[in-house]
Each structure stands twice: as C-alpha cells, then as structure tokens.
Amino acid sequence: MGEYIPTHTTDTLRLIKEDNKLFMLIPDKEKIELYRETEDQFWGTSKGVGDFQMTFFEEHEEIMYFIFQSGFYNLHYNKLK
C-alpha cells in the first residue's frame, strides 16, 4: 500500500492490508483499522486524536495522497514509496 508523509512534518504513516482489512500504522505508536465509508473515504479511531476520517486520491489504482481529517484540522499526506 505504501508509506506517506505529511506536508508539514517528517512523521510518516504506513498503510497496509491484512486479511482484506486496511490498517494505518503510526511508527512506534499504534496500528489502527480503517473502516470504509464510501469508495474513497475511510474512518478510524486513534488513541492520540480520537475519531478521524481519511479521503484517498488514486491514480492508476494506486493511492497517491490522502487527506486526514480530525476535528477542525486537515493534514495532507503524500506518497513516499
């Protein structure tokens, strides 16, 4: 799935699939299952920020970037690898 970095820091996130489920990995912190809301939107709950939503933007069936939304802030994550 890939590794992603936000435009404002150097903290990375990884997206992985396990047993047909999508997870977000926050290095050295937690593994969060993502639940499909629509074709390109998912939601989850993190110990650090609570409930959040992610909107994925694909190109050739590959996620190129996503928007992470929690509360009043939005973070843009670009694909690294």
Protein backbone atom coordinates (compact mmCIF):
# COMPACT_ATOMS: atom_id res chain seq x y z
CA MET A 1 0.00 0.00 0.00
CA GLY A 2 2.77 2.44 0.86
CA GLU A 3 4.37 4.95 3.14
CA TYR A 4 3.09 8.53 3.36
CA ILE A 5 4.46 11.79 4.75
CA PRO A 6 2.52 14.94 5.69
CA THR A 7 3.42 18.24 4.08
CA HIS A 8 4.07 19.92 7.47
CA THR A 9 6.36 17.42 9.33
CA THR A 10 8.59 14.42 8.74
CA ASP A 11 6.38 11.95 10.65
CA THR A 12 5.41 9.10 8.32
CA LEU A 13 2.42 6.75 8.27
CA ARG A 14 2.12 3.39 6.55
CA LEU A 15 -0.99 1.90 5.00
CA ILE A 16 -1.12 -1.90 4.88
CA LYS A 17 -3.65 -4.61 4.09
CA GLU A 18 -4.01 -7.69 6.29
CA ASP A 19 -6.71 -10.32 5.79
CA ASN A 20 -8.61 -8.00 3.42
CA LYS A 21 -8.65 -5.21 6.04
CA LEU A 22 -6.96 -1.80 5.73
CA PHE A 23 -4.75 -0.52 8.55
CA MET A 24 -2.81 2.64 9.25
CA LEU A 25 0.46 2.18 11.12
CA ILE A 26 1.86 5.03 13.18
CA PRO A 27 5.52 4.08 13.79
CA ASP A 28 6.27 3.18 17.42
CA LYS A 29 2.70 4.10 18.46
CA GLU A 30 -0.29 2.19 17.17
CA LYS A 31 -1.96 0.14 14.46
CA ILE A 32 -5.45 1.41 13.54
CA GLU A 33 -8.05 -0.43 11.49
CA LEU A 34 -9.70 1.75 8.84
CA TYR A 35 -13.37 1.26 8.00
CA ARG A 36 -14.85 2.04 4.59
CA GLU A 37 -17.45 4.79 4.49
CA THR A 38 -17.53 5.35 0.70
CA GLU A 39 -15.32 4.23 -2.17
CA ASP A 40 -12.57 6.71 -1.28
CA GLN A 41 -13.38 7.63 2.35
CA PHE A 42 -12.49 5.68 5.47
CA TRP A 43 -12.74 6.37 9.19
CA GLY A 44 -10.97 5.16 12.31
CA THR A 45 -10.24 5.96 15.93
CA SER A 46 -6.78 6.77 17.28
CA LYS A 47 -5.67 6.87 20.91
CA GLY A 48 -3.94 10.17 20.16
CA VAL A 49 -6.56 12.16 18.21
CA GLY A 50 -9.81 10.24 18.62
CA ASP A 51 -12.14 9.80 15.65
CA PHE A 52 -10.84 10.74 12.20
CA GLN A 53 -11.68 10.43 8.52
CA MET A 54 -9.36 9.81 5.59
CA THR A 55 -10.09 10.63 1.93
CA PHE A 56 -7.89 8.83 -0.59
CA PHE A 57 -6.92 10.11 -4.02
CA GLU A 58 -5.84 7.44 -6.50
CA GLU A 59 -4.03 7.37 -9.80
CA HIS A 60 -3.90 4.12 -11.80
CA GLU A 61 -5.43 2.24 -8.83
CA GLU A 62 -2.65 3.42 -6.50
CA ILE A 63 -3.16 5.84 -3.59
CA MET A 64 -1.05 8.89 -4.39
CA TYR A 65 -2.07 11.02 -1.40
CA PHE A 66 -4.75 11.34 1.23
CA ILE A 67 -6.35 13.96 3.46
CA PHE A 68 -6.50 13.13 7.18
CA GLN A 69 -9.34 14.98 8.92
CA SER A 70 -9.84 15.16 12.68
CA GLY A 71 -11.81 17.85 14.46
CA PHE A 72 -11.01 21.20 12.89
CA TYR A 73 -7.77 20.25 11.15
CA ASN A 74 -6.89 18.60 7.83
CA LEU A 75 -3.49 17.08 7.06
CA HIS A 76 -2.31 16.32 3.53
CA TYR A 77 -0.14 13.17 3.22
CA ASN A 78 1.87 12.46 0.03
CA LYS A 79 3.13 9.03 -1.00
CA LEU A 80 6.82 8.36 -0.32
CA LYS A 81 7.25 4.85 -1.73
